[in-house]
Amino acid sequence: MSSLDVLLGQGRTAEVYAWGEGLILKLYRTGFPKEWVDHEFRVARAVRETGVDAPDVRERVHVEGREGIVYERVEGSTLLGALQIGWSPERIGEVQAELHVKMQGKTLRGVQGLDAAKQEASPLPSMRVRLQDEISRAESLSEDVRSRVLDVLASLPDEQALLHGDFHPENILLTQTRGPVVIDWTTATIGHPLADVARSSLLLTLAALPPGLEGNPVIEAMRQTIHDAYLAHYHELTHTSPADLLPWKIVSAAARLSEKLPQVEHDRVRAFLETNLIYNL
């Protein structure tokens, strides 16, 4: 019988428990909106239906007055943890790029070819709509910068690729039996592939490091190497270029400013945006 005896991990919004043979329970904290949990469940099912290698989602549950989702339990170290078994930062970046390209080749059942108006019926939201909303809500943007960024977004093409929304080495597990498995799909959307690459690029280069690691020259150099290898290999595989990616990085940076970022990360993202917005016009 399953119980809440074995806590595997926890975060701001939920706790994760062992839940029977080969399963885990993601149990949201009391008061977390039921609609958000329902959304995650729908997203997880839709992602699995594409054929991408992600944890299987089993059922939506209500346990001890709290909302939860039962997932397949996936065992493995993160892609970043592969450093401990001798992988180079370059190899980690290249594997991330290969997985990203493979993932973006997937389409949701019934979604391929949808126009923007019909995307509202998709189980996943539109990345373009999400970016528009986040840019509009970013309080630290001046109205002039906001307007210019929205103009950049309006000029960019749209597609219906599967996008993760938080694709970095810590969200990739290396398993012994099935290879890499991508986890944490709560921010998944559909849209242009480069929108997802832009967010990954910003996360790899501008995100604040954990306390004690910020400013460490070895760590900073390592993540820059992972980033550079990731982008170079991605561009090689997709025949795209840094110039193609830059407008997407600009709109992604503006959208990031709607989030509750650590001050050091907020300042980095804002500086990137202001510098590159000038040269993009």
Protein backbone atom coordinates (compact mmCIF):
# COMPACT_ATOMS: atom_id res chain seq x y z
CA MET A 1 0.00 0.00 0.00
CA SER A 2 1.35 3.45 -0.94
CA SER A 3 1.99 6.02 1.79
CA LEU A 4 3.86 9.24 2.49
CA ASP A 5 6.65 7.48 4.36
CA VAL A 6 9.55 8.08 1.95
CA LEU A 7 10.20 11.69 0.97
CA LEU A 8 12.48 11.83 -2.08
CA GLY A 9 12.68 15.56 -2.53
CA GLN A 10 10.86 18.86 -2.20
CA GLY A 11 10.64 22.30 -3.67
CA ARG A 12 8.71 25.52 -3.29
CA THR A 13 5.46 24.14 -4.69
CA ALA A 14 5.51 20.39 -4.06
CA GLU A 15 7.01 17.36 -2.33
CA VAL A 16 7.96 14.12 -4.10
CA TYR A 17 7.36 10.75 -2.41
CA ALA A 18 8.06 7.15 -3.32
CA TRP A 19 4.68 5.71 -4.30
CA GLY A 20 4.52 1.98 -4.77
CA GLU A 21 6.64 -0.08 -7.14
CA GLY A 22 8.39 2.06 -9.74
CA LEU A 23 6.28 5.17 -9.11
CA ILE A 24 6.55 8.57 -7.45
CA LEU A 25 3.92 10.97 -6.17
CA LYS A 26 4.36 14.68 -6.80
CA LEU A 27 2.20 16.12 -4.02
CA TYR A 28 1.54 19.84 -4.15
CA ARG A 29 1.56 21.89 -1.01
CA THR A 30 -1.71 22.85 0.67
CA GLY A 31 -3.43 25.76 -1.02
CA PHE A 32 -1.75 25.29 -4.40
CA PRO A 33 -4.37 25.97 -7.12
CA LYS A 34 -6.10 22.79 -8.31
CA GLU A 35 -6.24 24.19 -11.84
CA TRP A 36 -2.45 24.36 -12.05
CA VAL A 37 -2.14 20.70 -11.09
CA ASP A 38 -4.79 19.78 -13.65
CA HIS A 39 -2.81 21.72 -16.27
CA GLU A 40 0.40 19.87 -15.42
CA PHE A 41 -1.40 16.53 -15.73
CA ARG A 42 -2.79 17.43 -19.17
CA VAL A 43 0.63 18.67 -20.31
CA ALA A 44 2.40 15.52 -19.11
CA ARG A 45 -0.07 13.32 -21.00
CA ALA A 46 0.24 15.39 -24.17
CA VAL A 47 4.05 15.30 -24.04
CA ARG A 48 4.08 11.51 -23.68
CA GLU A 49 1.76 11.16 -26.67
CA THR A 50 4.38 12.81 -28.90
CA GLY A 51 6.75 9.91 -28.29
CA VAL A 52 9.40 12.02 -26.59
CA ASP A 53 11.29 10.17 -23.85
CA ALA A 54 9.75 11.72 -20.74
CA PRO A 55 8.44 10.15 -17.53
CA ASP A 56 5.11 8.41 -17.96
CA VAL A 57 2.22 10.03 -16.11
CA ARG A 58 -0.14 7.56 -14.44
CA GLU A 59 -2.96 9.27 -12.58
CA ARG A 60 -4.28 12.45 -11.02
CA VAL A 61 -4.85 11.94 -7.28
CA HIS A 62 -6.07 13.63 -4.10
CA VAL A 63 -4.08 12.57 -1.03
CA GLU A 64 -4.59 13.78 2.53
CA GLY A 65 -6.36 16.92 1.38
CA ARG A 66 -3.69 17.82 -1.19
CA GLU A 67 -3.52 17.61 -4.99
CA GLY A 68 -1.03 15.31 -6.67
CA ILE A 69 0.12 13.46 -9.77
CA VAL A 70 1.56 9.96 -9.92
CA TYR A 71 4.50 9.55 -12.31
CA GLU A 72 6.76 6.76 -13.39
CA ARG A 73 9.92 6.76 -11.26
CA VAL A 74 12.98 7.41 -13.42
CA GLU A 75 16.38 6.59 -11.92
CA GLY A 76 19.52 8.32 -13.15
CA SER A 77 21.99 11.13 -12.61
CA THR A 78 21.53 14.48 -14.31
CA LEU A 79 23.39 15.36 -17.49
CA LEU A 80 25.41 17.86 -15.47
CA GLY A 81 26.29 15.07 -13.05
CA ALA A 82 28.01 13.27 -15.91
CA LEU A 83 31.01 15.46 -15.12
CA GLN A 84 31.64 13.10 -12.21
CA ILE A 85 32.03 10.11 -14.54
CA GLY A 86 34.47 11.84 -16.84
CA TRP A 87 32.29 13.59 -19.39
CA SER A 88 33.72 16.86 -20.67
CA PRO A 89 31.67 20.08 -20.61
CA GLU A 90 31.81 20.04 -24.43
CA ARG A 91 30.20 16.60 -24.57
CA ILE A 92 27.45 17.67 -22.17
CA GLY A 93 26.64 20.65 -24.37
CA GLU A 94 26.60 18.54 -27.52
CA VAL A 95 24.30 15.92 -25.98
CA GLN A 96 21.95 18.67 -24.84
CA ALA A 97 21.84 20.02 -28.39
CA GLU A 98 21.13 16.59 -29.89
CA LEU A 99 18.31 15.98 -27.42
CA HIS A 100 16.84 19.40 -28.10
CA VAL A 101 16.78 18.85 -31.85
CA LYS A 102 15.22 15.40 -31.41
CA MET A 103 12.57 16.76 -29.04
CA GLN A 104 11.68 19.63 -31.33
CA GLY A 105 11.01 17.19 -34.14
CA LYS A 106 7.98 15.95 -32.21
CA THR A 107 4.50 17.36 -32.74
CA LEU A 108 1.38 17.05 -30.64
CA ARG A 109 -1.37 14.81 -31.91
CA GLY A 110 -3.77 16.99 -33.88
CA VAL A 111 -1.63 20.11 -33.48
CA GLN A 112 0.60 20.09 -36.56
CA GLY A 113 -0.55 22.77 -38.96
CA LEU A 114 -2.80 24.64 -36.53
CA ASP A 115 -3.07 28.36 -37.06
CA ALA A 116 -2.67 30.72 -34.11
CA ALA A 117 -6.42 31.02 -33.46
CA LYS A 118 -6.86 27.25 -33.14
CA GLN A 119 -3.83 26.74 -30.92
CA GLU A 120 -6.02 27.72 -27.95
CA ALA A 121 -7.63 24.28 -28.18
CA SER A 122 -4.24 22.57 -27.92
CA PRO A 123 -3.34 20.81 -24.66
CA LEU A 124 -0.21 22.98 -24.63
CA PRO A 125 -0.24 26.78 -24.70
CA SER A 126 1.36 28.86 -27.45
CA MET A 127 4.88 30.05 -26.72
CA ARG A 128 4.16 33.27 -28.63
CA VAL A 129 1.12 34.03 -26.47
CA ARG A 130 3.11 33.24 -23.32
CA LEU A 131 5.95 35.56 -24.37
CA GLN A 132 3.49 38.36 -25.15
CA ASP A 133 1.86 37.97 -21.75
CA GLU A 134 5.14 37.86 -19.82
CA ILE A 135 6.60 40.86 -21.66
CA SER A 136 3.41 42.80 -20.95
CA ARG A 137 3.68 41.96 -17.22
CA ALA A 138 7.38 42.75 -16.78
CA GLU A 139 7.23 45.73 -14.42
CA SER A 140 10.87 46.75 -14.81
CA LEU A 141 10.51 47.39 -18.55
CA SER A 142 9.91 50.94 -19.71
CA GLU A 143 6.96 51.34 -22.07
CA ASP A 144 9.35 52.24 -24.89
CA VAL A 145 11.45 49.09 -24.44
CA ARG A 146 8.32 46.96 -24.01
CA SER A 147 6.87 48.28 -27.26
CA ARG A 148 10.11 47.70 -29.15
CA VAL A 149 10.44 44.14 -27.85
CA LEU A 150 6.84 43.34 -28.78
CA ASP A 151 7.59 44.66 -32.28
CA VAL A 152 10.57 42.27 -32.48
CA LEU A 153 8.33 39.38 -31.39
CA ALA A 154 5.67 40.28 -33.95
CA SER A 155 8.29 40.11 -36.72
CA LEU A 156 9.35 36.55 -35.86
CA PRO A 157 7.97 33.41 -37.53
CA ASP A 158 5.83 30.82 -35.79
CA GLU A 159 5.86 27.01 -35.80
CA GLN A 160 4.26 24.20 -33.80
CA ALA A 161 7.31 22.42 -32.44
CA LEU A 162 7.27 20.88 -28.98
CA LEU A 163 9.09 23.24 -26.59
CA HIS A 164 10.18 22.42 -23.05
CA GLY A 165 10.48 25.88 -21.53
CA ASP A 166 13.21 25.02 -19.01
CA PHE A 167 15.63 22.87 -20.98
CA HIS A 168 19.01 22.64 -19.25
CA PRO A 169 21.34 19.83 -18.08
CA GLU A 170 19.70 19.46 -14.66
CA ASN A 171 16.39 18.55 -16.34
CA ILE A 172 17.94 15.67 -18.29
CA LEU A 173 18.44 12.32 -16.54
CA LEU A 174 20.89 9.73 -17.84
CA THR A 175 19.40 6.28 -17.24
CA GLN A 176 21.11 2.93 -17.64
CA THR A 177 18.30 1.25 -19.56
CA ARG A 178 16.75 3.89 -21.80
CA GLY A 179 19.32 6.63 -22.19
CA PRO A 180 18.51 10.32 -21.58
CA VAL A 181 15.06 11.16 -20.21
CA VAL A 182 13.82 14.76 -20.11
CA ILE A 183 11.94 15.75 -16.95
CA ASP A 184 9.96 18.73 -15.58
CA TRP A 185 7.62 19.62 -18.44
CA THR A 186 5.38 21.99 -16.49
CA THR A 187 6.32 24.96 -18.72
CA ALA A 188 5.96 23.11 -22.04
CA THR A 189 4.47 25.00 -24.98
CA ILE A 190 4.28 24.82 -28.75
CA GLY A 191 6.01 27.33 -30.98
CA HIS A 192 9.18 28.13 -32.89
CA PRO A 193 12.19 25.96 -31.93
CA LEU A 194 14.52 28.93 -31.52
CA ALA A 195 12.28 30.36 -28.79
CA ASP A 196 13.19 27.37 -26.62
CA VAL A 197 16.87 27.52 -27.54
CA ALA A 198 16.95 31.22 -26.63
CA ARG A 199 15.61 30.52 -23.16
CA SER A 200 18.11 27.68 -22.66
CA SER A 201 20.94 29.96 -23.75
CA LEU A 202 19.94 32.64 -21.25
CA LEU A 203 19.60 30.08 -18.45
CA LEU A 204 23.04 28.65 -19.14
CA THR A 205 24.80 32.01 -19.24
CA LEU A 206 22.87 34.45 -17.04
CA ALA A 207 21.12 32.42 -14.33
CA ALA A 208 22.27 33.03 -10.78
CA LEU A 209 24.34 30.17 -9.39
CA PRO A 210 23.57 28.58 -5.99
CA PRO A 211 24.99 30.30 -2.89
CA GLY A 212 28.70 29.65 -2.57
CA LEU A 213 29.21 29.07 -6.30
CA GLU A 214 28.39 32.57 -7.58
CA GLY A 215 31.51 34.15 -9.02
CA ASN A 216 33.52 30.92 -8.91
CA PRO A 217 35.72 31.22 -12.04
CA VAL A 218 35.94 27.45 -12.59
CA ILE A 219 32.15 26.99 -12.44
CA GLU A 220 31.51 30.05 -14.60
CA ALA A 221 34.00 28.84 -17.21
CA MET A 222 32.53 25.35 -17.20
CA ARG A 223 28.95 26.48 -17.79
CA GLN A 224 30.12 28.88 -20.51
CA THR A 225 31.85 25.96 -22.23
CA ILE A 226 28.69 23.83 -21.98
CA HIS A 227 26.68 26.71 -23.42
CA ASP A 228 29.05 27.36 -26.31
CA ALA A 229 29.23 23.68 -27.26
CA TYR A 230 25.44 23.39 -27.01
CA LEU A 231 24.77 26.35 -29.30
CA ALA A 232 27.49 25.49 -31.81
CA HIS A 233 26.23 21.93 -32.18
CA TYR A 234 22.59 23.01 -32.31
CA HIS A 235 23.31 25.51 -35.08
CA GLU A 236 25.29 22.86 -36.94
CA LEU A 237 22.47 20.31 -36.72
CA THR A 238 19.69 22.73 -37.67
CA HIS A 239 21.55 24.97 -40.15
CA THR A 240 20.69 28.04 -38.11
CA SER A 241 22.99 30.82 -36.92
CA PRO A 242 23.56 33.11 -33.93
CA ALA A 243 21.98 35.89 -35.99
CA ASP A 244 18.79 33.81 -36.30
CA LEU A 245 18.77 33.24 -32.55
CA LEU A 246 19.44 36.79 -31.35
CA PRO A 247 15.91 38.21 -31.80
CA TRP A 248 14.50 35.27 -29.88
CA LYS A 249 17.01 35.88 -27.08
CA ILE A 250 15.90 39.50 -26.92
CA VAL A 251 12.21 38.65 -26.48
CA SER A 252 13.06 35.80 -24.10
CA ALA A 253 15.17 38.13 -21.94
CA ALA A 254 12.32 40.64 -21.73
CA ALA A 255 9.93 37.86 -20.75
CA ARG A 256 12.33 36.64 -18.05
CA LEU A 257 12.03 40.02 -16.35
CA SER A 258 8.42 39.17 -15.47
CA GLU A 259 9.73 36.41 -13.15
CA LYS A 260 10.91 36.78 -9.55
CA LEU A 261 14.62 36.54 -10.31
CA PRO A 262 17.50 36.98 -7.87
CA GLN A 263 18.74 40.55 -8.16
CA VAL A 264 22.06 39.53 -9.73
CA GLU A 265 20.24 37.55 -12.43
CA HIS A 266 17.70 40.32 -13.01
CA ASP A 267 20.52 42.81 -13.56
CA ARG A 268 22.31 40.48 -15.99
CA VAL A 269 19.17 39.82 -18.02
CA ARG A 270 18.27 43.50 -18.13
CA ALA A 271 21.79 44.45 -19.26
CA PHE A 272 21.71 41.80 -21.97
CA LEU A 273 18.33 43.05 -23.18
CA GLU A 274 19.23 46.70 -23.28
CA THR A 275 22.56 46.10 -25.00
CA ASN A 276 21.25 43.76 -27.68
CA LEU A 277 17.97 45.55 -28.32
CA ILE A 278 19.96 48.57 -29.49
CA TYR A 279 21.96 46.55 -32.02
CA ASN A 280 18.95 44.62 -33.29
CA LEU A 281 17.21 47.73 -34.57
